[in-house]
Amino acid sequence: MGARVASVGALERRWEARLELGFELAGGRTALLRRNHRGPLGVQRPFYPERDGTCHVYLLHPPGGVAGGDELTVDVAVGEGARALITVPAAGKLYDGFGARAQQTQICRVAAGAHLEWLPQETIVFDGADAELSSRFELEPGAELVAWEIICLGRPACDERFTSGALRQRFEVYRDGEPLFLERARYAGGDPLLDARWGLRGHPVTGTLVCVTRDATALVDTLRQEVGARFPDSFAVSQLREVLVCRFLGDRVEDALSSFRAAWERLRPALHDRAPSAPRIWLT
């Protein structure tokens, strides 16, 4: 009875939130011309720390976490020739579902000649969480993308393991409707996969970074030598045609973020002939 009451209460308090952002090239820089939201999802004002007019935006979710029954959707469109960098000020949190599933969906469309950098903080999956995470990136010809997703199962800092619940994850990239990279994962709390040598080997932190560009080949060796050497047991790089894929598997979120940010710092000049300009929120 107690579990049922908790489940009903969670559903009564659930959040349904949606945020729509539209970036367009205007007056020599990228402008956030469309911003619609429903529920507790929003953005701070656009920032312009770079001379080329790249628009930096921080997504805000005031509740601070996603609980059972919550549904969050972020819809982003980057217009032709525009440049946008999107991040968040803090880690995402998936709380105990109390018998109800949460859904978090990101859909990003990047037009011809546009650039999107999707660089969130990690997502922490609390013990007992039941959630679906879906990220879909749709690219037109000439569009380029750097995007990552970092997952922490449980809270290792306080010795909490992911012993119950489930996480379903989709990470997809398409070019003109054709799939470039499709990844689907399902993690069940307490599953042998979490500790098996052919699975996560007991490591709670896993991450994927994708970079979609015309010439990824020249970048693979650079990342292996300069980033892989710093994280030899947890960071790896591979290539699938025009998609460069970086993987992380380890024990510390800080290492995952450090390795992916280091990779991004080396990808930035190669892709856009621009020095990396880290969002200020990363320094707070």
Foldseek 3Di string as FASTA:
>chain_A
DVLVVVLVVCQVPAWEKEWEWEWDDDPQAIDGPDIDMDTQKHWDHWDQPDPSRETEIAIDRVVQEHEFNYEYEYEYEYDAQHHYEYEYLDEYEFDAHSPHEYEYEYEYEYEANYEYEAQYAAYEYAANGAYEYEYEYEYEHNYKYKYKYKYFAHDVVVPGHRAAYKYWYWHWYYYPNHTQDTDIDMDGHNDCLCCDPVHLVVARMKMKIKIADQDCPVLQVVLCVPLCVVVVPFWHWDDRRRIIMIMGRHHDSVSVSVSSVVSVQVVVCVHPVDGDDDPPSVVD
